[in-house]
Amino acid sequence: MSETIADCMREWPVHSPVKDEDAALVLSYAIVMLSTNQHNKSVRPNDKMSFEAFTKQVQGVNGGANFPTDFLAAVYEAVCAEELKVRP
């Protein structure tokens, strides 16, 4: 039965919400800014970036459209939960 499931899973196309390279670049930059803002000790709690502010940074940059809200919410929550770190 697992063979059948695995075969079916390969038939589903993988869709990225990112429409082009420019959108990926802008989103990546926004994620770095969000991480810095959320995890920098010198940023006061009242000055932490809200989800709305994060979404405004990337509004209209996804091939002229917006990223899906649920996608941005997942990114926002993940970045707020854990700081991005560069590995040595």
N, C-alpha and C. Protein backbone atom coordinates (compact mmCIF):
# COMPACT_ATOMS: atom_id res chain seq x y z
N MET A 1 0.82 -1.20 0.00
CA MET A 1 0.00 0.00 0.00
C MET A 1 0.86 1.26 0.00
N SER A 2 1.99 1.25 0.71
CA SER A 2 2.84 2.44 0.73
C SER A 2 3.42 2.74 -0.65
N GLU A 3 3.61 1.73 -1.47
CA GLU A 3 4.07 1.93 -2.85
C GLU A 3 3.05 2.76 -3.62
N THR A 4 1.78 2.45 -3.45
CA THR A 4 0.71 3.17 -4.13
C THR A 4 0.67 4.62 -3.67
N ILE A 5 0.79 4.83 -2.40
CA ILE A 5 0.77 6.19 -1.86
C ILE A 5 1.97 6.97 -2.39
N ALA A 6 3.13 6.37 -2.37
CA ALA A 6 4.33 7.05 -2.86
C ALA A 6 4.18 7.41 -4.34
N ASP A 7 3.61 6.50 -5.13
CA ASP A 7 3.41 6.78 -6.55
C ASP A 7 2.43 7.94 -6.74
N CYS A 8 1.37 7.96 -5.97
CA CYS A 8 0.39 9.05 -6.07
C CYS A 8 1.00 10.38 -5.67
N MET A 9 1.84 10.35 -4.67
CA MET A 9 2.43 11.60 -4.20
C MET A 9 3.31 12.23 -5.27
N ARG A 10 3.93 11.44 -6.09
CA ARG A 10 4.79 11.98 -7.14
C ARG A 10 3.98 12.65 -8.25
N GLU A 11 2.71 12.36 -8.33
CA GLU A 11 1.88 12.96 -9.37
C GLU A 11 1.46 14.38 -9.02
N TRP A 12 1.54 14.75 -7.75
CA TRP A 12 1.12 16.09 -7.35
C TRP A 12 2.23 17.08 -7.63
N PRO A 13 1.94 18.09 -8.38
CA PRO A 13 2.99 19.08 -8.66
C PRO A 13 3.29 19.91 -7.42
N VAL A 14 4.53 20.27 -7.26
CA VAL A 14 4.93 21.13 -6.16
C VAL A 14 4.83 22.58 -6.65
N HIS A 15 4.09 23.37 -5.92
CA HIS A 15 3.90 24.77 -6.31
C HIS A 15 4.54 25.67 -5.27
N SER A 16 5.36 26.55 -5.72
CA SER A 16 5.94 27.54 -4.84
C SER A 16 5.10 28.81 -4.91
N PRO A 17 4.88 29.46 -3.78
CA PRO A 17 4.15 30.73 -3.82
C PRO A 17 4.99 31.87 -4.37
N VAL A 18 6.28 31.63 -4.57
CA VAL A 18 7.19 32.66 -5.09
C VAL A 18 7.18 32.59 -6.61
N LYS A 19 6.78 33.69 -7.25
CA LYS A 19 6.58 33.67 -8.70
C LYS A 19 7.82 33.95 -9.54
N ASP A 20 8.81 34.67 -8.98
CA ASP A 20 10.01 34.96 -9.77
C ASP A 20 11.20 35.25 -8.86
N GLU A 21 12.36 35.43 -9.48
CA GLU A 21 13.60 35.63 -8.74
C GLU A 21 13.58 36.93 -7.93
N ASP A 22 13.01 37.97 -8.48
CA ASP A 22 12.94 39.24 -7.76
C ASP A 22 12.11 39.10 -6.50
N ALA A 23 11.02 38.37 -6.58
CA ALA A 23 10.17 38.15 -5.41
C ALA A 23 10.93 37.39 -4.34
N ALA A 24 11.72 36.40 -4.74
CA ALA A 24 12.51 35.62 -3.79
C ALA A 24 13.54 36.50 -3.10
N LEU A 25 14.17 37.39 -3.85
CA LEU A 25 15.17 38.29 -3.29
C LEU A 25 14.55 39.25 -2.27
N VAL A 26 13.44 39.87 -2.64
CA VAL A 26 12.78 40.83 -1.74
C VAL A 26 12.28 40.11 -0.48
N LEU A 27 11.69 38.94 -0.66
CA LEU A 27 11.20 38.18 0.49
C LEU A 27 12.36 37.79 1.40
N SER A 28 13.46 37.36 0.84
CA SER A 28 14.63 36.99 1.64
C SER A 28 15.13 38.17 2.46
N TYR A 29 15.22 39.31 1.83
CA TYR A 29 15.66 40.52 2.53
C TYR A 29 14.68 40.88 3.65
N ALA A 30 13.39 40.78 3.39
CA ALA A 30 12.38 41.08 4.40
C ALA A 30 12.48 40.12 5.58
N ILE A 31 12.80 38.86 5.31
CA ILE A 31 12.95 37.87 6.38
C ILE A 31 14.15 38.21 7.25
N VAL A 32 15.26 38.61 6.64
CA VAL A 32 16.44 39.00 7.42
C VAL A 32 16.12 40.22 8.28
N MET A 33 15.43 41.20 7.71
CA MET A 33 15.04 42.39 8.47
C MET A 33 14.13 42.01 9.63
N LEU A 34 13.17 41.13 9.39
CA LEU A 34 12.25 40.70 10.43
C LEU A 34 13.01 40.00 11.55
N SER A 35 13.91 39.11 11.20
CA SER A 35 14.68 38.38 12.21
C SER A 35 15.50 39.34 13.06
N THR A 36 16.15 40.28 12.41
CA THR A 36 16.94 41.27 13.14
C THR A 36 16.06 42.07 14.08
N ASN A 37 14.93 42.51 13.60
CA ASN A 37 14.01 43.30 14.41
C ASN A 37 13.46 42.50 15.59
N GLN A 38 13.08 41.27 15.36
CA GLN A 38 12.46 40.47 16.42
C GLN A 38 13.43 40.00 17.49
N HIS A 39 14.69 39.79 17.11
CA HIS A 39 15.62 39.15 18.03
C HIS A 39 16.76 40.06 18.52
N ASN A 40 16.77 41.30 18.09
CA ASN A 40 17.78 42.26 18.54
C ASN A 40 17.35 42.80 19.91
N LYS A 41 18.21 42.66 20.89
CA LYS A 41 17.87 43.07 22.26
C LYS A 41 17.69 44.57 22.41
N SER A 42 18.23 45.34 21.48
CA SER A 42 18.10 46.80 21.58
C SER A 42 16.76 47.31 21.03
N VAL A 43 15.99 46.44 20.40
CA VAL A 43 14.66 46.84 19.90
C VAL A 43 13.65 46.64 21.02
N ARG A 44 12.98 47.72 21.40
CA ARG A 44 11.99 47.65 22.48
C ARG A 44 10.79 46.80 22.05
N PRO A 45 10.14 46.14 22.99
CA PRO A 45 8.98 45.29 22.66
C PRO A 45 7.89 46.03 21.87
N ASN A 46 7.68 47.30 22.16
CA ASN A 46 6.66 48.06 21.44
C ASN A 46 7.06 48.37 20.00
N ASP A 47 8.36 48.25 19.70
CA ASP A 47 8.86 48.55 18.37
C ASP A 47 9.07 47.31 17.51
N LYS A 48 8.68 46.15 18.02
CA LYS A 48 8.83 44.91 17.25
C LYS A 48 7.88 44.97 16.05
N MET A 49 8.34 44.44 14.92
CA MET A 49 7.55 44.48 13.69
C MET A 49 6.31 43.59 13.81
N SER A 50 5.18 44.14 13.46
CA SER A 50 3.93 43.38 13.46
C SER A 50 3.81 42.57 12.17
N PHE A 51 2.88 41.66 12.17
CA PHE A 51 2.63 40.88 10.95
C PHE A 51 2.20 41.80 9.82
N GLU A 52 1.39 42.79 10.13
CA GLU A 52 0.92 43.73 9.11
C GLU A 52 2.07 44.52 8.50
N ALA A 53 3.01 44.95 9.33
CA ALA A 53 4.18 45.69 8.83
C ALA A 53 5.04 44.78 7.95
N PHE A 54 5.18 43.53 8.35
CA PHE A 54 5.94 42.57 7.54
C PHE A 54 5.30 42.38 6.18
N THR A 55 3.99 42.21 6.15
CA THR A 55 3.31 41.98 4.87
C THR A 55 3.36 43.21 3.97
N LYS A 56 3.37 44.40 4.56
CA LYS A 56 3.46 45.62 3.75
C LYS A 56 4.80 45.72 3.03
N GLN A 57 5.86 45.18 3.65
CA GLN A 57 7.19 45.22 3.02
C GLN A 57 7.23 44.43 1.72
N VAL A 58 6.43 43.39 1.62
CA VAL A 58 6.48 42.52 0.45
C VAL A 58 5.21 42.61 -0.39
N GLN A 59 4.42 43.62 -0.14
CA GLN A 59 3.17 43.79 -0.87
C GLN A 59 3.43 44.12 -2.34
N GLY A 60 2.84 43.36 -3.22
CA GLY A 60 2.91 43.62 -4.65
C GLY A 60 4.21 43.24 -5.32
N VAL A 61 5.13 42.57 -4.62
CA VAL A 61 6.42 42.25 -5.22
C VAL A 61 6.49 40.84 -5.79
N ASN A 62 5.45 40.08 -5.64
CA ASN A 62 5.45 38.69 -6.12
C ASN A 62 4.90 38.64 -7.54
N GLY A 63 5.72 39.07 -8.47
CA GLY A 63 5.27 39.11 -9.86
C GLY A 63 4.12 40.08 -10.05
N GLY A 64 4.12 41.16 -9.27
CA GLY A 64 3.06 42.16 -9.33
C GLY A 64 1.87 41.83 -8.44
N ALA A 65 1.91 40.71 -7.77
CA ALA A 65 0.82 40.29 -6.88
C ALA A 65 1.37 40.16 -5.46
N ASN A 66 0.50 39.76 -4.55
CA ASN A 66 0.90 39.53 -3.18
C ASN A 66 1.17 38.06 -2.94
N PHE A 67 2.00 37.79 -1.94
CA PHE A 67 2.19 36.41 -1.51
C PHE A 67 0.92 35.96 -0.78
N PRO A 68 0.62 34.66 -0.78
CA PRO A 68 -0.53 34.18 -0.02
C PRO A 68 -0.38 34.52 1.47
N THR A 69 -1.44 34.97 2.08
CA THR A 69 -1.40 35.39 3.48
C THR A 69 -0.99 34.24 4.40
N ASP A 70 -1.49 33.04 4.15
CA ASP A 70 -1.13 31.92 5.02
C ASP A 70 0.35 31.59 4.91
N PHE A 71 0.94 31.76 3.73
CA PHE A 71 2.37 31.56 3.54
C PHE A 71 3.16 32.58 4.34
N LEU A 72 2.79 33.86 4.23
CA LEU A 72 3.49 34.90 4.98
C LEU A 72 3.32 34.73 6.48
N ALA A 73 2.14 34.29 6.91
CA ALA A 73 1.91 34.07 8.33
C ALA A 73 2.82 32.96 8.86
N ALA A 74 2.99 31.90 8.09
CA ALA A 74 3.87 30.81 8.51
C ALA A 74 5.32 31.28 8.59
N VAL A 75 5.75 32.09 7.61
CA VAL A 75 7.11 32.64 7.63
C VAL A 75 7.29 33.53 8.84
N TYR A 76 6.34 34.43 9.07
CA TYR A 76 6.41 35.37 10.19
C TYR A 76 6.50 34.63 11.52
N GLU A 77 5.65 33.66 11.72
CA GLU A 77 5.64 32.90 12.97
C GLU A 77 6.94 32.12 13.17
N ALA A 78 7.46 31.54 12.10
CA ALA A 78 8.71 30.77 12.20
C ALA A 78 9.89 31.68 12.56
N VAL A 79 9.96 32.84 11.93
CA VAL A 79 11.06 33.76 12.21
C VAL A 79 10.95 34.32 13.62
N CYS A 80 9.74 34.64 14.05
CA CYS A 80 9.56 35.16 15.42
C CYS A 80 9.88 34.10 16.46
N ALA A 81 9.62 32.86 16.16
CA ALA A 81 9.86 31.78 17.11
C ALA A 81 11.33 31.44 17.26
N GLU A 82 12.10 31.60 16.19
CA GLU A 82 13.51 31.23 16.25
C GLU A 82 14.35 32.16 15.39
N GLU A 83 15.38 32.70 15.99
CA GLU A 83 16.28 33.63 15.30
C GLU A 83 17.04 32.93 14.18
N LEU A 84 17.20 33.63 13.06
CA LEU A 84 18.04 33.11 11.98
C LEU A 84 19.49 33.25 12.41
N LYS A 85 20.27 32.21 12.19
CA LYS A 85 21.67 32.24 12.57
C LYS A 85 22.51 31.72 11.43
N VAL A 86 23.68 32.30 11.26
CA VAL A 86 24.62 31.86 10.24
C VAL A 86 25.51 30.79 10.87
N ARG A 87 25.63 29.69 10.19
CA ARG A 87 26.49 28.61 10.69
C ARG A 87 27.93 28.90 10.30
N PRO A 88 28.86 28.58 11.18
CA PRO A 88 30.28 28.81 10.85
C PRO A 88 30.78 27.85 9.80
